Amino acid sequence: MNIVLVTAEVECSKCREAKAILGRVTERFPEIEVRVLKTTDPEAAAYGIVMSPTVIVDNTIIASGRAPNEKKLTAFIQAAST
């Protein structure tokens, strides 16, 4: 499973919160790879990112303009892993 976090060029509090949540989630699921992109990265544009932070799990946007809900993200990962 791959997670992409797209943050603003100058990270805001929501971007930092999203990073912290993803850090805790990947401690529970070490097999998950997290890549961090900036909104100015060409790859971020390919996803059609409009707001930051945006969290993308296996090409599905699960949060945009806010940090993801940690419990919902964990449930999503567990459901996808089965």
PDB file of N, CA and C in Angstrom:
ATOM      1  N   MET A   1       0.850  -1.171   0.000  1.00  0.00           N
ATOM      2  CA  MET A   1       0.000   0.000   0.000  1.00  0.00           C
ATOM      3  C   MET A   1       0.895   1.234   0.000  1.00  0.00           C
ATOM      4  N   ASN A   2       0.489   2.220  -0.775  1.00  0.00           N
ATOM      5  CA  ASN A   2       1.233   3.472  -0.882  1.00  0.00           C
ATOM      6  C   ASN A   2       0.358   4.636  -0.460  1.00  0.00           C
ATOM      7  N   ILE A   3       0.954   5.554   0.281  1.00  0.00           N
ATOM      8  CA  ILE A   3       0.267   6.773   0.669  1.00  0.00           C
ATOM      9  C   ILE A   3       1.102   7.946   0.177  1.00  0.00           C
ATOM     10  N   VAL A   4       0.427   8.904  -0.431  1.00  0.00           N
ATOM     11  CA  VAL A   4       1.074  10.133  -0.872  1.00  0.00           C
ATOM     12  C   VAL A   4       0.468  11.266  -0.055  1.00  0.00           C
ATOM     13  N   LEU A   5       1.336  12.069   0.543  1.00  0.00           N
ATOM     14  CA  LEU A   5       0.914  13.257   1.258  1.00  0.00           C
ATOM     15  C   LEU A   5       1.399  14.457   0.474  1.00  0.00           C
ATOM     16  N   VAL A   6       0.477  15.302   0.064  1.00  0.00           N
ATOM     17  CA  VAL A   6       0.832  16.521  -0.666  1.00  0.00           C
ATOM     18  C   VAL A   6       0.648  17.688   0.294  1.00  0.00           C
ATOM     19  N   THR A   7       1.743  18.414   0.513  1.00  0.00           N
ATOM     20  CA  THR A   7       1.717  19.545   1.435  1.00  0.00           C
ATOM     21  C   THR A   7       1.985  20.842   0.679  1.00  0.00           C
ATOM     22  N   ALA A   8       1.694  21.939   1.342  1.00  0.00           N
ATOM     23  CA  ALA A   8       2.001  23.253   0.779  1.00  0.00           C
ATOM     24  C   ALA A   8       3.511  23.437   0.740  1.00  0.00           C
ATOM     25  N   GLU A   9       3.966  24.325  -0.122  1.00  0.00           N
ATOM     26  CA  GLU A   9       5.402  24.619  -0.212  1.00  0.00           C
ATOM     27  C   GLU A   9       5.939  25.047   1.156  1.00  0.00           C
ATOM     28  N   VAL A  10       5.199  25.909   1.828  1.00  0.00           N
ATOM     29  CA  VAL A  10       5.493  26.277   3.212  1.00  0.00           C
ATOM     30  C   VAL A  10       4.409  25.600   4.043  1.00  0.00           C
ATOM     31  N   GLU A  11       4.798  24.575   4.791  1.00  0.00           N
ATOM     32  CA  GLU A  11       3.808  23.750   5.476  1.00  0.00           C
ATOM     33  C   GLU A  11       3.031  24.523   6.536  1.00  0.00           C
ATOM     34  N   CYS A  12       1.729  24.295   6.541  1.00  0.00           N
ATOM     35  CA  CYS A  12       0.842  24.909   7.518  1.00  0.00           C
ATOM     36  C   CYS A  12       0.626  23.929   8.681  1.00  0.00           C
ATOM     37  N   SER A  13      -0.141  24.326   9.650  1.00  0.00           N
ATOM     38  CA  SER A  13      -0.397  23.453  10.801  1.00  0.00           C
ATOM     39  C   SER A  13      -1.146  22.186  10.386  1.00  0.00           C
ATOM     40  N   LYS A  14      -2.038  22.291   9.403  1.00  0.00           N
ATOM     41  CA  LYS A  14      -2.759  21.109   8.932  1.00  0.00           C
ATOM     42  C   LYS A  14      -1.808  20.123   8.252  1.00  0.00           C
ATOM     43  N   CYS A  15      -0.833  20.652   7.509  1.00  0.00           N
ATOM     44  CA  CYS A  15       0.161  19.792   6.848  1.00  0.00           C
ATOM     45  C   CYS A  15       1.005  19.066   7.895  1.00  0.00           C
ATOM     46  N   ARG A  16       1.426  19.791   8.918  1.00  0.00           N
ATOM     47  CA  ARG A  16       2.232  19.173   9.984  1.00  0.00           C
ATOM     48  C   ARG A  16       1.414  18.131  10.741  1.00  0.00           C
ATOM     49  N   GLU A  17       0.133  18.406  10.967  1.00  0.00           N
ATOM     50  CA  GLU A  17      -0.741  17.453  11.645  1.00  0.00           C
ATOM     51  C   GLU A  17      -0.900  16.187  10.798  1.00  0.00           C
ATOM     52  N   ALA A  18      -1.082  16.349   9.495  1.00  0.00           N
ATOM     53  CA  ALA A  18      -1.216  15.198   8.604  1.00  0.00           C
ATOM     54  C   ALA A  18       0.059  14.347   8.642  1.00  0.00           C
ATOM     55  N   LYS A  19       1.226  14.992   8.631  1.00  0.00           N
ATOM     56  CA  LYS A  19       2.498  14.259   8.719  1.00  0.00           C
ATOM     57  C   LYS A  19       2.585  13.461  10.015  1.00  0.00           C
ATOM     58  N   ALA A  20       2.170  14.075  11.110  1.00  0.00           N
ATOM     59  CA  ALA A  20       2.217  13.393  12.410  1.00  0.00           C
ATOM     60  C   ALA A  20       1.285  12.184  12.425  1.00  0.00           C
ATOM     61  N   ILE A  21       0.094  12.349  11.894  1.00  0.00           N
ATOM     62  CA  ILE A  21      -0.866  11.238  11.842  1.00  0.00           C
ATOM     63  C   ILE A  21      -0.308  10.103  10.991  1.00  0.00           C
ATOM     64  N   LEU A  22       0.229  10.436   9.824  1.00  0.00           N
ATOM     65  CA  LEU A  22       0.792   9.397   8.962  1.00  0.00           C
ATOM     66  C   LEU A  22       1.983   8.721   9.629  1.00  0.00           C
ATOM     67  N   GLY A  23       2.755   9.466  10.400  1.00  0.00           N
ATOM     68  CA  GLY A  23       3.862   8.879  11.138  1.00  0.00           C
ATOM     69  C   GLY A  23       3.381   7.840  12.138  1.00  0.00           C
ATOM     70  N   ARG A  24       2.322   8.155  12.861  1.00  0.00           N
ATOM     71  CA  ARG A  24       1.772   7.203  13.833  1.00  0.00           C
ATOM     72  C   ARG A  24       1.173   5.987  13.132  1.00  0.00           C
ATOM     73  N   VAL A  25       0.487   6.213  12.027  1.00  0.00           N
ATOM     74  CA  VAL A  25      -0.140   5.104  11.297  1.00  0.00           C
ATOM     75  C   VAL A  25       0.921   4.166  10.729  1.00  0.00           C
ATOM     76  N   THR A  26       1.998   4.730  10.195  1.00  0.00           N
ATOM     77  CA  THR A  26       3.033   3.860   9.618  1.00  0.00           C
ATOM     78  C   THR A  26       3.823   3.115  10.694  1.00  0.00           C
ATOM     79  N   GLU A  27       3.796   3.594  11.926  1.00  0.00           N
ATOM     80  CA  GLU A  27       4.384   2.806  13.017  1.00  0.00           C
ATOM     81  C   GLU A  27       3.587   1.529  13.219  1.00  0.00           C
ATOM     82  N   ARG A  28       2.269   1.614  13.071  1.00  0.00           N
ATOM     83  CA  ARG A  28       1.395   0.435  13.214  1.00  0.00           C
ATOM     84  C   ARG A  28       1.439  -0.467  11.992  1.00  0.00           C
ATOM     85  N   PHE A  29       1.685   0.131  10.827  1.00  0.00           N
ATOM     86  CA  PHE A  29       1.697  -0.608   9.561  1.00  0.00           C
ATOM     87  C   PHE A  29       3.009  -0.314   8.828  1.00  0.00           C
ATOM     88  N   PRO A  30       4.109  -0.933   9.248  1.00  0.00           N
ATOM     89  CA  PRO A  30       5.421  -0.599   8.664  1.00  0.00           C
ATOM     90  C   PRO A  30       5.557  -0.961   7.185  1.00  0.00           C
ATOM     91  N   GLU A  31       4.655  -1.745   6.667  1.00  0.00           N
ATOM     92  CA  GLU A  31       4.717  -2.116   5.246  1.00  0.00           C
ATOM     93  C   GLU A  31       4.243  -0.992   4.330  1.00  0.00           C
ATOM     94  N   ILE A  32       3.639   0.045   4.902  1.00  0.00           N
ATOM     95  CA  ILE A  32       3.126   1.162   4.114  1.00  0.00           C
ATOM     96  C   ILE A  32       4.262   2.115   3.770  1.00  0.00           C
ATOM     97  N   GLU A  33       4.298   2.504   2.517  1.00  0.00           N
ATOM     98  CA  GLU A  33       5.271   3.485   2.047  1.00  0.00           C
ATOM     99  C   GLU A  33       4.578   4.836   1.927  1.00  0.00           C
ATOM    100  N   VAL A  34       5.162   5.860   2.535  1.00  0.00           N
ATOM    101  CA  VAL A  34       4.615   7.215   2.460  1.00  0.00           C
ATOM    102  C   VAL A  34       5.584   8.093   1.694  1.00  0.00           C
ATOM    103  N   ARG A  35       5.057   8.773   0.694  1.00  0.00           N
ATOM    104  CA  ARG A  35       5.848   9.759  -0.056  1.00  0.00           C
ATOM    105  C   ARG A  35       5.242  11.124   0.191  1.00  0.00           C
ATOM    106  N   VAL A  36       6.094  12.096   0.386  1.00  0.00           N
ATOM    107  CA  VAL A  36       5.636  13.470   0.614  1.00  0.00           C
ATOM    108  C   VAL A  36       6.007  14.310  -0.596  1.00  0.00           C
ATOM    109  N   LEU A  37       5.001  14.957  -1.156  1.00  0.00           N
ATOM    110  CA  LEU A  37       5.197  15.854  -2.289  1.00  0.00           C
ATOM    111  C   LEU A  37       4.768  17.254  -1.885  1.00  0.00           C
ATOM    112  N   LYS A  38       5.290  18.232  -2.556  1.00  0.00           N
ATOM    113  CA  LYS A  38       4.848  19.618  -2.395  1.00  0.00           C
ATOM    114  C   LYS A  38       3.825  19.912  -3.485  1.00  0.00           C
ATOM    115  N   THR A  39       2.954  20.853  -3.252  1.00  0.00           N
ATOM    116  CA  THR A  39       1.930  21.186  -4.250  1.00  0.00           C
ATOM    117  C   THR A  39       2.550  21.657  -5.562  1.00  0.00           C
ATOM    118  N   THR A  40       3.786  22.127  -5.527  1.00  0.00           N
ATOM    119  CA  THR A  40       4.455  22.600  -6.737  1.00  0.00           C
ATOM    120  C   THR A  40       5.120  21.473  -7.528  1.00  0.00           C
ATOM    121  N   ASP A  41       5.168  20.258  -6.977  1.00  0.00           N
ATOM    122  CA  ASP A  41       5.762  19.129  -7.695  1.00  0.00           C
ATOM    123  C   ASP A  41       4.874  18.728  -8.870  1.00  0.00           C
ATOM    124  N   PRO A  42       5.470  18.479 -10.041  1.00  0.00           N
ATOM    125  CA  PRO A  42       4.665  18.078 -11.204  1.00  0.00           C
ATOM    126  C   PRO A  42       3.796  16.849 -10.935  1.00  0.00           C
ATOM    127  N   GLU A  43       4.297  15.917 -10.135  1.00  0.00           N
ATOM    128  CA  GLU A  43       3.516  14.712  -9.837  1.00  0.00           C
ATOM    129  C   GLU A  43       2.241  15.057  -9.058  1.00  0.00           C
ATOM    130  N   ALA A  44       2.314  16.060  -8.187  1.00  0.00           N
ATOM    131  CA  ALA A  44       1.127  16.484  -7.444  1.00  0.00           C
ATOM    132  C   ALA A  44       0.079  17.030  -8.405  1.00  0.00           C
ATOM    133  N   ALA A  45       0.526  17.760  -9.416  1.00  0.00           N
ATOM    134  CA  ALA A  45      -0.394  18.293 -10.417  1.00  0.00           C
ATOM    135  C   ALA A  45      -1.098  17.170 -11.170  1.00  0.00           C
ATOM    136  N   ALA A  46      -0.408  16.065 -11.361  1.00  0.00           N
ATOM    137  CA  ALA A  46      -1.004  14.928 -12.065  1.00  0.00           C
ATOM    138  C   ALA A  46      -2.183  14.342 -11.283  1.00  0.00           C
ATOM    139  N   TYR A  47      -2.161  14.502  -9.955  1.00  0.00           N
ATOM    140  CA  TYR A  47      -3.279  14.035  -9.125  1.00  0.00           C
ATOM    141  C   TYR A  47      -4.435  15.026  -9.124  1.00  0.00           C
ATOM    142  N   GLY A  48      -4.223  16.221  -9.656  1.00  0.00           N
ATOM    143  CA  GLY A  48      -5.269  17.235  -9.662  1.00  0.00           C
ATOM    144  C   GLY A  48      -5.471  17.873  -8.295  1.00  0.00           C
ATOM    145  N   ILE A  49      -4.387  18.019  -7.545  1.00  0.00           N
ATOM    146  CA  ILE A  49      -4.463  18.566  -6.196  1.00  0.00           C
ATOM    147  C   ILE A  49      -4.877  20.033  -6.238  1.00  0.00           C
ATOM    148  N   VAL A  50      -5.865  20.377  -5.420  1.00  0.00           N
ATOM    149  CA  VAL A  50      -6.350  21.743  -5.336  1.00  0.00           C
ATOM    150  C   VAL A  50      -6.008  22.342  -3.969  1.00  0.00           C
ATOM    151  N   MET A  51      -6.083  21.526  -2.916  1.00  0.00           N
ATOM    152  CA  MET A  51      -5.855  22.015  -1.557  1.00  0.00           C
ATOM    153  C   MET A  51      -4.792  21.171  -0.868  1.00  0.00           C
ATOM    154  N   SER A  52      -4.160  21.778   0.119  1.00  0.00           N
ATOM    155  CA  SER A  52      -3.223  21.005   0.919  1.00  0.00           C
ATOM    156  C   SER A  52      -3.634  21.118   2.386  1.00  0.00           C
ATOM    157  N   PRO A  53      -3.358  20.090   3.154  1.00  0.00           N
ATOM    158  CA  PRO A  53      -2.755  18.847   2.733  1.00  0.00           C
ATOM    159  C   PRO A  53      -3.775  17.954   2.036  1.00  0.00           C
ATOM    160  N   THR A  54      -3.272  17.100   1.191  1.00  0.00           N
ATOM    161  CA  THR A  54      -4.090  16.072   0.561  1.00  0.00           C
ATOM    162  C   THR A  54      -3.429  14.733   0.830  1.00  0.00           C
ATOM    163  N   VAL A  55      -4.231  13.761   1.237  1.00  0.00           N
ATOM    164  CA  VAL A  55      -3.730  12.415   1.514  1.00  0.00           C
ATOM    165  C   VAL A  55      -4.355  11.470   0.497  1.00  0.00           C
ATOM    166  N   ILE A  56      -3.493  10.741  -0.211  1.00  0.00           N
ATOM    167  CA  ILE A  56      -3.926   9.828  -1.267  1.00  0.00           C
ATOM    168  C   ILE A  56      -3.465   8.420  -0.887  1.00  0.00           C
ATOM    169  N   VAL A  57      -4.403   7.500  -0.797  1.00  0.00           N
ATOM    170  CA  VAL A  57      -4.079   6.108  -0.477  1.00  0.00           C
ATOM    171  C   VAL A  57      -4.380   5.276  -1.710  1.00  0.00           C
ATOM    172  N   ASP A  58      -3.335   4.670  -2.268  1.00  0.00           N
ATOM    173  CA  ASP A  58      -3.488   3.848  -3.471  1.00  0.00           C
ATOM    174  C   ASP A  58      -4.363   4.537  -4.522  1.00  0.00           C
ATOM    175  N   ASN A  59      -4.007   5.771  -4.855  1.00  0.00           N
ATOM    176  CA  ASN A  59      -4.662   6.582  -5.878  1.00  0.00           C
ATOM    177  C   ASN A  59      -6.079   7.038  -5.528  1.00  0.00           C
ATOM    178  N   THR A  60      -6.478   6.912  -4.260  1.00  0.00           N
ATOM    179  CA  THR A  60      -7.776   7.395  -3.806  1.00  0.00           C
ATOM    180  C   THR A  60      -7.555   8.540  -2.829  1.00  0.00           C
ATOM    181  N   ILE A  61      -8.094   9.718  -3.137  1.00  0.00           N
ATOM    182  CA  ILE A  61      -7.969  10.852  -2.229  1.00  0.00           C
ATOM    183  C   ILE A  61      -8.898  10.614  -1.047  1.00  0.00           C
ATOM    184  N   ILE A  62      -8.307  10.577   0.161  1.00  0.00           N
ATOM    185  CA  ILE A  62      -9.134  10.342   1.347  1.00  0.00           C
ATOM    186  C   ILE A  62      -9.266  11.575   2.228  1.00  0.00           C
ATOM    187  N   ALA A  63      -8.418  12.575   2.000  1.00  0.00           N
ATOM    188  CA  ALA A  63      -8.531  13.833   2.744  1.00  0.00           C
ATOM    189  C   ALA A  63      -7.933  14.942   1.896  1.00  0.00           C
ATOM    190  N   SER A  64      -8.616  16.068   1.845  1.00  0.00           N
ATOM    191  CA  SER A  64      -8.114  17.207   1.089  1.00  0.00           C
ATOM    192  C   SER A  64      -8.464  18.490   1.837  1.00  0.00           C
ATOM    193  N   GLY A  65      -7.457  19.319   2.070  1.00  0.00           N
ATOM    194  CA  GLY A  65      -7.671  20.558   2.791  1.00  0.00           C
ATOM    195  C   GLY A  65      -7.699  20.391   4.293  1.00  0.00           C
ATOM    196  N   ARG A  66      -7.404  19.187   4.740  1.00  0.00           N
ATOM    197  CA  ARG A  66      -7.401  18.895   6.176  1.00  0.00           C
ATOM    198  C   ARG A  66      -6.566  17.639   6.421  1.00  0.00           C
ATOM    199  N   ALA A  67      -6.177  17.443   7.665  1.00  0.00           N
ATOM    200  CA  ALA A  67      -5.489  16.207   8.034  1.00  0.00           C
ATOM    201  C   ALA A  67      -6.521  15.088   8.070  1.00  0.00           C
ATOM    202  N   PRO A  68      -6.107  13.866   7.763  1.00  0.00           N
ATOM    203  CA  PRO A  68      -7.067  12.759   7.802  1.00  0.00           C
ATOM    204  C   PRO A  68      -7.438  12.415   9.238  1.00  0.00           C
ATOM    205  N   ASN A  69      -8.617  11.850   9.403  1.00  0.00           N
ATOM    206  CA  ASN A  69      -9.026  11.327  10.697  1.00  0.00           C
ATOM    207  C   ASN A  69      -8.234  10.038  10.918  1.00  0.00           C
ATOM    208  N   GLU A  70      -7.473   9.987  12.000  1.00  0.00           N
ATOM    209  CA  GLU A  70      -6.575   8.846  12.224  1.00  0.00           C
ATOM    210  C   GLU A  70      -7.322   7.527  12.351  1.00  0.00           C
ATOM    211  N   LYS A  71      -8.432   7.512  13.058  1.00  0.00           N
ATOM    212  CA  LYS A  71      -9.198   6.267  13.230  1.00  0.00           C
ATOM    213  C   LYS A  71      -9.771   5.795  11.895  1.00  0.00           C
ATOM    214  N   LYS A  72     -10.306   6.728  11.106  1.00  0.00           N
ATOM    215  CA  LYS A  72     -10.872   6.353   9.810  1.00  0.00           C
ATOM    216  C   LYS A  72      -9.783   5.885   8.854  1.00  0.00           C
ATOM    217  N   LEU A  73      -8.619   6.538   8.883  1.00  0.00           N
ATOM    218  CA  LEU A  73      -7.509   6.127   8.036  1.00  0.00           C
ATOM    219  C   LEU A  73      -7.045   4.721   8.412  1.00  0.00           C
ATOM    220  N   THR A  74      -6.938   4.450   9.709  1.00  0.00           N
ATOM    221  CA  THR A  74      -6.532   3.123  10.166  1.00  0.00           C
ATOM    222  C   THR A  74      -7.557   2.071   9.735  1.00  0.00           C
ATOM    223  N   ALA A  75      -8.826   2.372   9.872  1.00  0.00           N
ATOM    224  CA  ALA A  75      -9.879   1.433   9.452  1.00  0.00           C
ATOM    225  C   ALA A  75      -9.811   1.196   7.944  1.00  0.00           C
ATOM    226  N   PHE A  76      -9.571   2.253   7.179  1.00  0.00           N
ATOM    227  CA  PHE A  76      -9.463   2.135   5.716  1.00  0.00           C
ATOM    228  C   PHE A  76      -8.300   1.210   5.353  1.00  0.00           C
ATOM    229  N   ILE A  77      -7.171   1.396   6.016  1.00  0.00           N
ATOM    230  CA  ILE A  77      -5.991   0.565   5.749  1.00  0.00           C
ATOM    231  C   ILE A  77      -6.247  -0.886   6.124  1.00  0.00           C
ATOM    232  N   GLN A  78      -6.856  -1.098   7.286  1.00  0.00           N
ATOM    233  CA  GLN A  78      -7.146  -2.465   7.712  1.00  0.00           C
ATOM    234  C   GLN A  78      -8.108  -3.142   6.751  1.00  0.00           C
ATOM    235  N   ALA A  79      -9.133  -2.438   6.301  1.00  0.00           N
ATOM    236  CA  ALA A  79     -10.090  -3.015   5.360  1.00  0.00           C
ATOM    237  C   ALA A  79      -9.433  -3.331   4.026  1.00  0.00           C
ATOM    238  N   ALA A  80      -8.543  -2.476   3.569  1.00  0.00           N
ATOM    239  CA  ALA A  80      -7.871  -2.690   2.303  1.00  0.00           C
ATOM    240  C   ALA A  80      -6.847  -3.811   2.375  1.00  0.00           C
ATOM    241  N   SER A  81      -6.357  -4.099   3.565  1.00  0.00           N
ATOM    242  CA  SER A  81      -5.325  -5.122   3.749  1.00  0.00           C
ATOM    243  C   SER A  81      -5.899  -6.536   3.816  1.00  0.00           C
ATOM    244  N   THR A  82      -7.216  -6.640   3.977  1.00  0.00           N
ATOM    245  CA  THR A  82      -7.793  -7.974   4.114  1.00  0.00           C
ATOM    246  C   THR A  82      -8.248  -8.544   2.799  1.00  0.00           C
TER     247      THR A  82
END
